Amino acid sequence: AIDPRNGGVLALVSKPGFDPNLFVDGIDPQSWGELNGSPDKPLLNRA
């Protein structure tokens, strides 16, 4: 969703997403494998 008057992005959604808190300490291999191998491609920013 963009404001036509100035180009400001009011919403930018890509679903499914992922929990970014998993990456802060260094994501463990199991969680990374689940995200990277998911057929829903949660790491892809579809927008």
ModelCIF file with pLDDT and N, C-alpha, C, O atoms, coordinates in Angstrom:
data_MODEL
#
_entry.id   MODEL 
#
_entity.id                         1 
_entity.type                       polymer 
_entity.pdbx_number_of_molecules   1 
#
_entity_poly.entity_id                      1 
_entity_poly.type                           'polypeptide(L)' 
_entity_poly.nstd_linkage                   no 
_entity_poly.nstd_monomer                   no 
_entity_poly.pdbx_seq_one_letter_code       AIDPRNGGVLALVSKPGFDPNLFVDGIDPQSWGELNGSPDKPLLNRA 
_entity_poly.pdbx_seq_one_letter_code_can   AIDPRNGGVLALVSKPGFDPNLFVDGIDPQSWGELNGSPDKPLLNRA 
_entity_poly.pdbx_strand_id                 A 
#
loop_
_entity_poly_seq.entity_id 
_entity_poly_seq.num 
_entity_poly_seq.mon_id 
_entity_poly_seq.hetero 
1 1  ALA n 
1 2  ILE n 
1 3  ASP n 
1 4  PRO n 
1 5  ARG n 
1 6  ASN n 
1 7  GLY n 
1 8  GLY n 
1 9  VAL n 
1 10 LEU n 
1 11 ALA n 
1 12 LEU n 
1 13 VAL n 
1 14 SER n 
1 15 LYS n 
1 16 PRO n 
1 17 GLY n 
1 18 PHE n 
1 19 ASP n 
1 20 PRO n 
1 21 ASN n 
1 22 LEU n 
1 23 PHE n 
1 24 VAL n 
1 25 ASP n 
1 26 GLY n 
1 27 ILE n 
1 28 ASP n 
1 29 PRO n 
1 30 GLN n 
1 31 SER n 
1 32 TRP n 
1 33 GLY n 
1 34 GLU n 
1 35 LEU n 
1 36 ASN n 
1 37 GLY n 
1 38 SER n 
1 39 PRO n 
1 40 ASP n 
1 41 LYS n 
1 42 PRO n 
1 43 LEU n 
1 44 LEU n 
1 45 ASN n 
1 46 ARG n 
1 47 ALA n 
#
_struct_asym.id          A 
_struct_asym.entity_id   1 
#
loop_
_ma_qa_metric.id 
_ma_qa_metric.mode 
_ma_qa_metric.name 
_ma_qa_metric.software_group_id 
_ma_qa_metric.type 
1 global pLDDT . pLDDT 
2 local  pLDDT . pLDDT 
#
_ma_qa_metric_global.metric_id      1 
_ma_qa_metric_global.metric_value   93.49 
_ma_qa_metric_global.model_id       1 
_ma_qa_metric_global.ordinal_id     1 
#
loop_
_ma_qa_metric_local.label_asym_id 
_ma_qa_metric_local.label_comp_id 
_ma_qa_metric_local.label_seq_id 
_ma_qa_metric_local.metric_id 
_ma_qa_metric_local.metric_value 
_ma_qa_metric_local.model_id 
_ma_qa_metric_local.ordinal_id 
A ALA 1  2 98.00 1 1  
A ILE 2  2 98.00 1 2  
A ASP 3  2 97.00 1 3  
A PRO 4  2 97.00 1 4  
A ARG 5  2 95.00 1 5  
A ASN 6  2 94.00 1 6  
A GLY 7  2 95.00 1 7  
A GLY 8  2 96.00 1 8  
A VAL 9  2 98.00 1 9  
A LEU 10 2 98.00 1 10 
A ALA 11 2 98.00 1 11 
A LEU 12 2 98.00 1 12 
A VAL 13 2 97.00 1 13 
A SER 14 2 97.00 1 14 
A LYS 15 2 97.00 1 15 
A PRO 16 2 96.00 1 16 
A GLY 17 2 96.00 1 17 
A PHE 18 2 96.00 1 18 
A ASP 19 2 95.00 1 19 
A PRO 20 2 96.00 1 20 
A ASN 21 2 94.00 1 21 
A LEU 22 2 91.00 1 22 
A PHE 23 2 91.00 1 23 
A VAL 24 2 87.00 1 24 
A ASP 25 2 78.00 1 25 
A GLY 26 2 78.00 1 26 
A ILE 27 2 85.00 1 27 
A ASP 28 2 81.00 1 28 
A PRO 29 2 84.00 1 29 
A GLN 30 2 87.00 1 30 
A SER 31 2 89.00 1 31 
A TRP 32 2 91.00 1 32 
A GLY 33 2 92.00 1 33 
A GLU 34 2 93.00 1 34 
A LEU 35 2 94.00 1 35 
A ASN 36 2 93.00 1 36 
A GLY 37 2 94.00 1 37 
A SER 38 2 95.00 1 38 
A PRO 39 2 95.00 1 39 
A ASP 40 2 95.00 1 40 
A LYS 41 2 96.00 1 41 
A PRO 42 2 96.00 1 42 
A LEU 43 2 96.00 1 43 
A LEU 44 2 96.00 1 44 
A ASN 45 2 97.00 1 45 
A ARG 46 2 97.00 1 46 
A ALA 47 2 97.00 1 47 
#
loop_
_atom_site.group_PDB 
_atom_site.id 
_atom_site.type_symbol 
_atom_site.label_atom_id 
_atom_site.label_alt_id 
_atom_site.label_comp_id 
_atom_site.label_asym_id 
_atom_site.label_entity_id 
_atom_site.label_seq_id 
_atom_site.pdbx_PDB_ins_code 
_atom_site.Cartn_x 
_atom_site.Cartn_y 
_atom_site.Cartn_z 
_atom_site.occupancy 
_atom_site.B_iso_or_equiv 
_atom_site.pdbx_formal_charge 
_atom_site.auth_seq_id 
_atom_site.auth_comp_id 
_atom_site.auth_asym_id 
_atom_site.auth_atom_id 
_atom_site.pdbx_PDB_model_num 
ATOM 1   N N  . ALA A 1 1  ? 0.859  -1.189  0.000  1.00 98.00 ? 1  ALA A N  1 
ATOM 2   C CA . ALA A 1 1  ? 0.000  0.000   0.000  1.00 98.00 ? 1  ALA A CA 1 
ATOM 3   C C  . ALA A 1 1  ? 0.889  1.230   0.000  1.00 98.00 ? 1  ALA A C  1 
ATOM 4   O O  . ALA A 1 1  ? 1.756  1.378   0.861  1.00 98.00 ? 1  ALA A O  1 
ATOM 5   N N  . ILE A 1 2  ? 0.670  2.123   -0.980 1.00 98.00 ? 2  ILE A N  1 
ATOM 6   C CA . ILE A 1 2  ? 1.501  3.321   -1.143 1.00 98.00 ? 2  ILE A CA 1 
ATOM 7   C C  . ILE A 1 2  ? 0.619  4.571   -1.128 1.00 98.00 ? 2  ILE A C  1 
ATOM 8   O O  . ILE A 1 2  ? -0.463 4.583   -1.716 1.00 98.00 ? 2  ILE A O  1 
ATOM 9   N N  . ASP A 1 3  ? 1.084  5.605   -0.460 1.00 97.00 ? 3  ASP A N  1 
ATOM 10  C CA . ASP A 1 3  ? 0.409  6.900   -0.501 1.00 97.00 ? 3  ASP A CA 1 
ATOM 11  C C  . ASP A 1 3  ? 0.793  7.578   -1.812 1.00 97.00 ? 3  ASP A C  1 
ATOM 12  O O  . ASP A 1 3  ? 1.960  7.931   -1.986 1.00 97.00 ? 3  ASP A O  1 
ATOM 13  N N  . PRO A 1 4  ? -0.150 7.776   -2.749 1.00 97.00 ? 4  PRO A N  1 
ATOM 14  C CA . PRO A 1 4  ? 0.187  8.351   -4.057 1.00 97.00 ? 4  PRO A CA 1 
ATOM 15  C C  . PRO A 1 4  ? 0.753  9.770   -3.963 1.00 97.00 ? 4  PRO A C  1 
ATOM 16  O O  . PRO A 1 4  ? 1.447  10.220  -4.875 1.00 97.00 ? 4  PRO A O  1 
ATOM 17  N N  . ARG A 1 5  ? 0.461  10.478  -2.865 1.00 95.00 ? 5  ARG A N  1 
ATOM 18  C CA . ARG A 1 5  ? 0.872  11.876  -2.736 1.00 95.00 ? 5  ARG A CA 1 
ATOM 19  C C  . ARG A 1 5  ? 2.364  12.057  -2.493 1.00 95.00 ? 5  ARG A C  1 
ATOM 20  O O  . ARG A 1 5  ? 2.917  13.119  -2.781 1.00 95.00 ? 5  ARG A O  1 
ATOM 21  N N  . ASN A 1 6  ? 3.024  11.013  -1.956 1.00 94.00 ? 6  ASN A N  1 
ATOM 22  C CA . ASN A 1 6  ? 4.449  11.174  -1.651 1.00 94.00 ? 6  ASN A CA 1 
ATOM 23  C C  . ASN A 1 6  ? 5.275  9.903   -1.802 1.00 94.00 ? 6  ASN A C  1 
ATOM 24  O O  . ASN A 1 6  ? 6.488  9.936   -1.598 1.00 94.00 ? 6  ASN A O  1 
ATOM 25  N N  . GLY A 1 7  ? 4.650  8.787   -2.153 1.00 95.00 ? 7  GLY A N  1 
ATOM 26  C CA . GLY A 1 7  ? 5.387  7.527   -2.310 1.00 95.00 ? 7  GLY A CA 1 
ATOM 27  C C  . GLY A 1 7  ? 5.649  6.790   -1.020 1.00 95.00 ? 7  GLY A C  1 
ATOM 28  O O  . GLY A 1 7  ? 6.329  5.764   -1.025 1.00 95.00 ? 7  GLY A O  1 
ATOM 29  N N  . GLY A 1 8  ? 5.124  7.290   0.095  1.00 96.00 ? 8  GLY A N  1 
ATOM 30  C CA . GLY A 1 8  ? 5.334  6.606   1.370  1.00 96.00 ? 8  GLY A CA 1 
ATOM 31  C C  . GLY A 1 8  ? 4.648  5.257   1.402  1.00 96.00 ? 8  GLY A C  1 
ATOM 32  O O  . GLY A 1 8  ? 3.468  5.148   1.068  1.00 96.00 ? 8  GLY A O  1 
ATOM 33  N N  . VAL A 1 9  ? 5.384  4.222   1.804  1.00 98.00 ? 9  VAL A N  1 
ATOM 34  C CA . VAL A 1 9  ? 4.839  2.864   1.861  1.00 98.00 ? 9  VAL A CA 1 
ATOM 35  C C  . VAL A 1 9  ? 4.124  2.686   3.201  1.00 98.00 ? 9  VAL A C  1 
ATOM 36  O O  . VAL A 1 9  ? 4.751  2.719   4.260  1.00 98.00 ? 9  VAL A O  1 
ATOM 37  N N  . LEU A 1 10 ? 2.814  2.497   3.139  1.00 98.00 ? 10 LEU A N  1 
ATOM 38  C CA . LEU A 1 10 ? 1.998  2.382   4.351  1.00 98.00 ? 10 LEU A CA 1 
ATOM 39  C C  . LEU A 1 10 ? 1.932  0.946   4.865  1.00 98.00 ? 10 LEU A C  1 
ATOM 40  O O  . LEU A 1 10 ? 1.763  0.716   6.062  1.00 98.00 ? 10 LEU A O  1 
ATOM 41  N N  . ALA A 1 11 ? 2.063  0.000   3.967  1.00 98.00 ? 11 ALA A N  1 
ATOM 42  C CA . ALA A 1 11 ? 2.085  -1.424  4.337  1.00 98.00 ? 11 ALA A CA 1 
ATOM 43  C C  . ALA A 1 11 ? 2.874  -2.177  3.285  1.00 98.00 ? 11 ALA A C  1 
ATOM 44  O O  . ALA A 1 11 ? 2.746  -1.907  2.090  1.00 98.00 ? 11 ALA A O  1 
ATOM 45  N N  . LEU A 1 12 ? 3.690  -3.123  3.729  1.00 98.00 ? 12 LEU A N  1 
ATOM 46  C CA . LEU A 1 12 ? 4.436  -3.988  2.808  1.00 98.00 ? 12 LEU A CA 1 
ATOM 47  C C  . LEU A 1 12 ? 4.467  -5.368  3.448  1.00 98.00 ? 12 LEU A C  1 
ATOM 48  O O  . LEU A 1 12 ? 5.242  -5.631  4.368  1.00 98.00 ? 12 LEU A O  1 
ATOM 49  N N  . VAL A 1 13 ? 3.602  -6.245  2.938  1.00 97.00 ? 13 VAL A N  1 
ATOM 50  C CA . VAL A 1 13 ? 3.384  -7.565  3.543  1.00 97.00 ? 13 VAL A CA 1 
ATOM 51  C C  . VAL A 1 13 ? 3.836  -8.661  2.600  1.00 97.00 ? 13 VAL A C  1 
ATOM 52  O O  . VAL A 1 13 ? 3.564  -8.617  1.400  1.00 97.00 ? 13 VAL A O  1 
ATOM 53  N N  . SER A 1 14 ? 4.522  -9.637  3.146  1.00 97.00 ? 14 SER A N  1 
ATOM 54  C CA . SER A 1 14 ? 4.828  -10.869 2.422  1.00 97.00 ? 14 SER A CA 1 
ATOM 55  C C  . SER A 1 14 ? 4.516  -12.029 3.356  1.00 97.00 ? 14 SER A C  1 
ATOM 56  O O  . SER A 1 14 ? 5.072  -12.121 4.450  1.00 97.00 ? 14 SER A O  1 
ATOM 57  N N  . LYS A 1 15 ? 3.626  -12.911 2.921  1.00 97.00 ? 15 LYS A N  1 
ATOM 58  C CA . LYS A 1 15 ? 3.224  -14.034 3.763  1.00 97.00 ? 15 LYS A CA 1 
ATOM 59  C C  . LYS A 1 15 ? 3.481  -15.357 3.046  1.00 97.00 ? 15 LYS A C  1 
ATOM 60  O O  . LYS A 1 15 ? 3.205  -15.478 1.853  1.00 97.00 ? 15 LYS A O  1 
ATOM 61  N N  . PRO A 1 16 ? 4.007  -16.347 3.763  1.00 96.00 ? 16 PRO A N  1 
ATOM 62  C CA . PRO A 1 16 ? 4.339  -16.321 5.190  1.00 96.00 ? 16 PRO A CA 1 
ATOM 63  C C  . PRO A 1 16 ? 5.638  -15.567 5.479  1.00 96.00 ? 16 PRO A C  1 
ATOM 64  O O  . PRO A 1 16 ? 6.489  -15.389 4.608  1.00 96.00 ? 16 PRO A O  1 
ATOM 65  N N  . GLY A 1 17 ? 5.754  -15.134 6.730  1.00 96.00 ? 17 GLY A N  1 
ATOM 66  C CA . GLY A 1 17 ? 6.991  -14.526 7.184  1.00 96.00 ? 17 GLY A CA 1 
ATOM 67  C C  . GLY A 1 17 ? 7.743  -15.495 8.090  1.00 96.00 ? 17 GLY A C  1 
ATOM 68  O O  . GLY A 1 17 ? 7.543  -16.708 8.020  1.00 96.00 ? 17 GLY A O  1 
ATOM 69  N N  . PHE A 1 18 ? 8.600  -14.953 8.933  1.00 96.00 ? 18 PHE A N  1 
ATOM 70  C CA . PHE A 1 18 ? 9.391  -15.772 9.853  1.00 96.00 ? 18 PHE A CA 1 
ATOM 71  C C  . PHE A 1 18 ? 9.667  -14.937 11.101 1.00 96.00 ? 18 PHE A C  1 
ATOM 72  O O  . PHE A 1 18 ? 9.484  -13.720 11.091 1.00 96.00 ? 18 PHE A O  1 
ATOM 73  N N  . ASP A 1 19 ? 10.097 -15.576 12.146 1.00 95.00 ? 19 ASP A N  1 
ATOM 74  C CA . ASP A 1 19 ? 10.418 -14.868 13.384 1.00 95.00 ? 19 ASP A CA 1 
ATOM 75  C C  . ASP A 1 19 ? 11.847 -14.331 13.293 1.00 95.00 ? 19 ASP A C  1 
ATOM 76  O O  . ASP A 1 19 ? 12.791 -15.116 13.376 1.00 95.00 ? 19 ASP A O  1 
ATOM 77  N N  . PRO A 1 20 ? 12.039 -13.016 13.124 1.00 96.00 ? 20 PRO A N  1 
ATOM 78  C CA . PRO A 1 20 ? 13.397 -12.477 12.995 1.00 96.00 ? 20 PRO A CA 1 
ATOM 79  C C  . PRO A 1 20 ? 14.223 -12.619 14.265 1.00 96.00 ? 20 PRO A C  1 
ATOM 80  O O  . PRO A 1 20 ? 15.450 -12.546 14.213 1.00 96.00 ? 20 PRO A O  1 
ATOM 81  N N  . ASN A 1 21 ? 13.560 -12.824 15.418 1.00 94.00 ? 21 ASN A N  1 
ATOM 82  C CA . ASN A 1 21 ? 14.304 -12.981 16.671 1.00 94.00 ? 21 ASN A CA 1 
ATOM 83  C C  . ASN A 1 21 ? 15.170 -14.241 16.668 1.00 94.00 ? 21 ASN A C  1 
ATOM 84  O O  . ASN A 1 21 ? 16.126 -14.341 17.437 1.00 94.00 ? 21 ASN A O  1 
ATOM 85  N N  . LEU A 1 22 ? 14.834 -15.207 15.799 1.00 91.00 ? 22 LEU A N  1 
ATOM 86  C CA . LEU A 1 22 ? 15.631 -16.435 15.709 1.00 91.00 ? 22 LEU A CA 1 
ATOM 87  C C  . LEU A 1 22 ? 17.052 -16.166 15.233 1.00 91.00 ? 22 LEU A C  1 
ATOM 88  O O  . LEU A 1 22 ? 17.969 -16.929 15.538 1.00 91.00 ? 22 LEU A O  1 
ATOM 89  N N  . PHE A 1 23 ? 17.234 -15.069 14.478 1.00 91.00 ? 23 PHE A N  1 
ATOM 90  C CA . PHE A 1 23 ? 18.529 -14.814 13.845 1.00 91.00 ? 23 PHE A CA 1 
ATOM 91  C C  . PHE A 1 23 ? 19.465 -13.971 14.706 1.00 91.00 ? 23 PHE A C  1 
ATOM 92  O O  . PHE A 1 23 ? 20.660 -13.899 14.421 1.00 91.00 ? 23 PHE A O  1 
ATOM 93  N N  . VAL A 1 24 ? 18.948 -13.339 15.745 1.00 87.00 ? 24 VAL A N  1 
ATOM 94  C CA . VAL A 1 24 ? 19.743 -12.379 16.502 1.00 87.00 ? 24 VAL A CA 1 
ATOM 95  C C  . VAL A 1 24 ? 20.952 -13.030 17.148 1.00 87.00 ? 24 VAL A C  1 
ATOM 96  O O  . VAL A 1 24 ? 22.059 -12.499 17.059 1.00 87.00 ? 24 VAL A O  1 
ATOM 97  N N  . ASP A 1 25 ? 20.758 -14.188 17.808 1.00 78.00 ? 25 ASP A N  1 
ATOM 98  C CA . ASP A 1 25 ? 21.865 -14.868 18.487 1.00 78.00 ? 25 ASP A CA 1 
ATOM 99  C C  . ASP A 1 25 ? 22.623 -15.818 17.568 1.00 78.00 ? 25 ASP A C  1 
ATOM 100 O O  . ASP A 1 25 ? 23.606 -16.430 17.986 1.00 78.00 ? 25 ASP A O  1 
ATOM 101 N N  . GLY A 1 26 ? 22.173 -15.949 16.316 1.00 78.00 ? 26 GLY A N  1 
ATOM 102 C CA . GLY A 1 26 ? 22.724 -16.952 15.422 1.00 78.00 ? 26 GLY A CA 1 
ATOM 103 C C  . GLY A 1 26 ? 21.771 -18.129 15.373 1.00 78.00 ? 26 GLY A C  1 
ATOM 104 O O  . GLY A 1 26 ? 21.695 -18.913 16.320 1.00 78.00 ? 26 GLY A O  1 
ATOM 105 N N  . ILE A 1 27 ? 21.052 -18.255 14.286 1.00 85.00 ? 27 ILE A N  1 
ATOM 106 C CA . ILE A 1 27 ? 20.027 -19.291 14.178 1.00 85.00 ? 27 ILE A CA 1 
ATOM 107 C C  . ILE A 1 27 ? 20.665 -20.676 14.170 1.00 85.00 ? 27 ILE A C  1 
ATOM 108 O O  . ILE A 1 27 ? 21.704 -20.885 13.544 1.00 85.00 ? 27 ILE A O  1 
ATOM 109 N N  . ASP A 1 28 ? 20.041 -21.615 14.866 1.00 81.00 ? 28 ASP A N  1 
ATOM 110 C CA . ASP A 1 28 ? 20.604 -22.963 14.918 1.00 81.00 ? 28 ASP A CA 1 
ATOM 111 C C  . ASP A 1 28 ? 20.283 -23.703 13.625 1.00 81.00 ? 28 ASP A C  1 
ATOM 112 O O  . ASP A 1 28 ? 19.304 -23.372 12.957 1.00 81.00 ? 28 ASP A O  1 
ATOM 113 N N  . PRO A 1 29 ? 21.097 -24.710 13.254 1.00 84.00 ? 29 PRO A N  1 
ATOM 114 C CA . PRO A 1 29 ? 20.924 -25.408 11.971 1.00 84.00 ? 29 PRO A CA 1 
ATOM 115 C C  . PRO A 1 29 ? 19.537 -26.008 11.761 1.00 84.00 ? 29 PRO A C  1 
ATOM 116 O O  . PRO A 1 29 ? 19.035 -26.015 10.637 1.00 84.00 ? 29 PRO A O  1 
ATOM 117 N N  . GLN A 1 30 ? 18.912 -26.511 12.826 1.00 87.00 ? 30 GLN A N  1 
ATOM 118 C CA . GLN A 1 30 ? 17.598 -27.134 12.667 1.00 87.00 ? 30 GLN A CA 1 
ATOM 119 C C  . GLN A 1 30 ? 16.539 -26.098 12.254 1.00 87.00 ? 30 GLN A C  1 
ATOM 120 O O  . GLN A 1 30 ? 15.757 -26.335 11.333 1.00 87.00 ? 30 GLN A O  1 
ATOM 121 N N  . SER A 1 31 ? 16.525 -24.955 12.943 1.00 89.00 ? 31 SER A N  1 
ATOM 122 C CA . SER A 1 31 ? 15.564 -23.902 12.609 1.00 89.00 ? 31 SER A CA 1 
ATOM 123 C C  . SER A 1 31 ? 15.836 -23.352 11.217 1.00 89.00 ? 31 SER A C  1 
ATOM 124 O O  . SER A 1 31 ? 14.906 -23.060 10.465 1.00 89.00 ? 31 SER A O  1 
ATOM 125 N N  . TRP A 1 32 ? 17.118 -23.211 10.875 1.00 91.00 ? 32 TRP A N  1 
ATOM 126 C CA . TRP A 1 32 ? 17.470 -22.721 9.546  1.00 91.00 ? 32 TRP A CA 1 
ATOM 127 C C  . TRP A 1 32 ? 17.016 -23.698 8.465  1.00 91.00 ? 32 TRP A C  1 
ATOM 128 O O  . TRP A 1 32 ? 16.501 -23.284 7.425  1.00 91.00 ? 32 TRP A O  1 
ATOM 129 N N  . GLY A 1 33 ? 17.204 -24.979 8.708  1.00 92.00 ? 33 GLY A N  1 
ATOM 130 C CA . GLY A 1 33 ? 16.780 -25.987 7.741  1.00 92.00 ? 33 GLY A CA 1 
ATOM 131 C C  . GLY A 1 33 ? 15.280 -25.966 7.515  1.00 92.00 ? 33 GLY A C  1 
ATOM 132 O O  . GLY A 1 33 ? 14.812 -26.127 6.388  1.00 92.00 ? 33 GLY A O  1 
ATOM 133 N N  . GLU A 1 34 ? 14.526 -25.768 8.588  1.00 93.00 ? 34 GLU A N  1 
ATOM 134 C CA . GLU A 1 34 ? 13.066 -25.721 8.474  1.00 93.00 ? 34 GLU A CA 1 
ATOM 135 C C  . GLU A 1 34 ? 12.611 -24.524 7.654  1.00 93.00 ? 34 GLU A C  1 
ATOM 136 O O  . GLU A 1 34 ? 11.702 -24.641 6.833  1.00 93.00 ? 34 GLU A O  1 
ATOM 137 N N  . LEU A 1 35 ? 13.240 -23.371 7.872  1.00 94.00 ? 35 LEU A N  1 
ATOM 138 C CA . LEU A 1 35 ? 12.875 -22.169 7.125  1.00 94.00 ? 35 LEU A CA 1 
ATOM 139 C C  . LEU A 1 35 ? 13.328 -22.253 5.673  1.00 94.00 ? 35 LEU A C  1 
ATOM 140 O O  . LEU A 1 35 ? 12.563 -21.970 4.751  1.00 94.00 ? 35 LEU A O  1 
ATOM 141 N N  . ASN A 1 36 ? 14.574 -22.645 5.489  1.00 93.00 ? 36 ASN A N  1 
ATOM 142 C CA . ASN A 1 36 ? 15.150 -22.666 4.140  1.00 93.00 ? 36 ASN A CA 1 
ATOM 143 C C  . ASN A 1 36 ? 14.547 -23.749 3.262  1.00 93.00 ? 36 ASN A C  1 
ATOM 144 O O  . ASN A 1 36 ? 14.476 -23.596 2.043  1.00 93.00 ? 36 ASN A O  1 
ATOM 145 N N  . GLY A 1 37 ? 14.110 -24.844 3.878  1.00 94.00 ? 37 GLY A N  1 
ATOM 146 C CA . GLY A 1 37 ? 13.563 -25.957 3.100  1.00 94.00 ? 37 GLY A CA 1 
ATOM 147 C C  . GLY A 1 37 ? 12.054 -25.962 2.985  1.00 94.00 ? 37 GLY A C  1 
ATOM 148 O O  . GLY A 1 37 ? 11.495 -26.853 2.346  1.00 94.00 ? 37 GLY A O  1 
ATOM 149 N N  . SER A 1 38 ? 11.382 -25.002 3.577  1.00 95.00 ? 38 SER A N  1 
ATOM 150 C CA . SER A 1 38 ? 9.919  -24.979 3.537  1.00 95.00 ? 38 SER A CA 1 
ATOM 151 C C  . SER A 1 38 ? 9.401  -24.705 2.129  1.00 95.00 ? 38 SER A C  1 
ATOM 152 O O  . SER A 1 38 ? 9.900  -23.802 1.459  1.00 95.00 ? 38 SER A O  1 
ATOM 153 N N  . PRO A 1 39 ? 8.410  -25.466 1.668  1.00 95.00 ? 39 PRO A N  1 
ATOM 154 C CA . PRO A 1 39 ? 7.825  -25.218 0.339  1.00 95.00 ? 39 PRO A CA 1 
ATOM 155 C C  . PRO A 1 39 ? 7.094  -23.877 0.268  1.00 95.00 ? 39 PRO A C  1 
ATOM 156 O O  . PRO A 1 39 ? 6.845  -23.371 -0.826 1.00 95.00 ? 39 PRO A O  1 
ATOM 157 N N  . ASP A 1 40 ? 6.747  -23.297 1.416  1.00 95.00 ? 40 ASP A N  1 
ATOM 158 C CA . ASP A 1 40 ? 6.077  -21.992 1.439  1.00 95.00 ? 40 ASP A CA 1 
ATOM 159 C C  . ASP A 1 40 ? 7.051  -20.829 1.278  1.00 95.00 ? 40 ASP A C  1 
ATOM 160 O O  . ASP A 1 40 ? 6.626  -19.684 1.125  1.00 95.00 ? 40 ASP A O  1 
ATOM 161 N N  . LYS A 1 41 ? 8.350  -21.109 1.309  1.00 96.00 ? 41 LYS A N  1 
ATOM 162 C CA . LYS A 1 41 ? 9.401  -20.107 1.119  1.00 96.00 ? 41 LYS A CA 1 
ATOM 163 C C  . LYS A 1 41 ? 9.193  -18.858 1.996  1.00 96.00 ? 41 LYS A C  1 
ATOM 164 O O  . LYS A 1 41 ? 9.021  -17.758 1.473  1.00 96.00 ? 41 LYS A O  1 
ATOM 165 N N  . PRO A 1 42 ? 9.209  -19.025 3.301  1.00 96.00 ? 42 PRO A N  1 
ATOM 166 C CA . PRO A 1 42 ? 8.983  -17.878 4.196  1.00 96.00 ? 42 PRO A CA 1 
ATOM 167 C C  . PRO A 1 42 ? 10.093 -16.830 4.145  1.00 96.00 ? 42 PRO A C  1 
ATOM 168 O O  . PRO A 1 42 ? 9.875  -15.690 4.554  1.00 96.00 ? 42 PRO A O  1 
ATOM 169 N N  . LEU A 1 43 ? 11.277 -17.194 3.653  1.00 96.00 ? 43 LEU A N  1 
ATOM 170 C CA . LEU A 1 43 ? 12.382 -16.243 3.582  1.00 96.00 ? 43 LEU A CA 1 
ATOM 171 C C  . LEU A 1 43 ? 12.309 -15.355 2.345  1.00 96.00 ? 43 LEU A C  1 
ATOM 172 O O  . LEU A 1 43 ? 13.054 -14.380 2.245  1.00 96.00 ? 43 LEU A O  1 
ATOM 173 N N  . LEU A 1 44 ? 11.429 -15.672 1.404  1.00 96.00 ? 44 LEU A N  1 
ATOM 174 C CA . LEU A 1 44 ? 11.276 -14.880 0.184  1.00 96.00 ? 44 LEU A CA 1 
ATOM 175 C C  . LEU A 1 44 ? 10.362 -13.694 0.446  1.00 96.00 ? 44 LEU A C  1 
ATOM 176 O O  . LEU A 1 44 ? 9.239  -13.861 0.924  1.00 96.00 ? 44 LEU A O  1 
ATOM 177 N N  . ASN A 1 45 ? 10.839 -12.510 0.137  1.00 97.00 ? 45 ASN A N  1 
ATOM 178 C CA . ASN A 1 45 ? 10.001 -11.319 0.225  1.00 97.00 ? 45 ASN A CA 1 
ATOM 179 C C  . ASN A 1 45 ? 9.214  -11.204 -1.082 1.00 97.00 ? 45 ASN A C  1 
ATOM 180 O O  . ASN A 1 45 ? 9.696  -10.634 -2.061 1.00 97.00 ? 45 ASN A O  1 
ATOM 181 N N  . ARG A 1 46 ? 8.020  -11.745 -1.082 1.00 97.00 ? 46 ARG A N  1 
ATOM 182 C CA . ARG A 1 46 ? 7.209  -11.771 -2.295 1.00 97.00 ? 46 ARG A CA 1 
ATOM 183 C C  . ARG A 1 46 ? 6.836  -10.378 -2.788 1.00 97.00 ? 46 ARG A C  1 
ATOM 184 O O  . ARG A 1 46 ? 6.607  -10.189 -3.983 1.00 97.00 ? 46 ARG A O  1 
ATOM 185 N N  . ALA A 1 47 ? 6.773  -9.408  -1.891 1.00 97.00 ? 47 ALA A N  1 
ATOM 186 C CA . ALA A 1 47 ? 6.361  -8.056  -2.278 1.00 97.00 ? 47 ALA A CA 1 
ATOM 187 C C  . ALA A 1 47 ? 7.395  -7.365  -3.153 1.00 97.00 ? 47 ALA A C  1 
ATOM 188 O O  . ALA A 1 47 ? 7.193  -6.221  -3.561 1.00 97.00 ? 47 ALA A O  1 
#
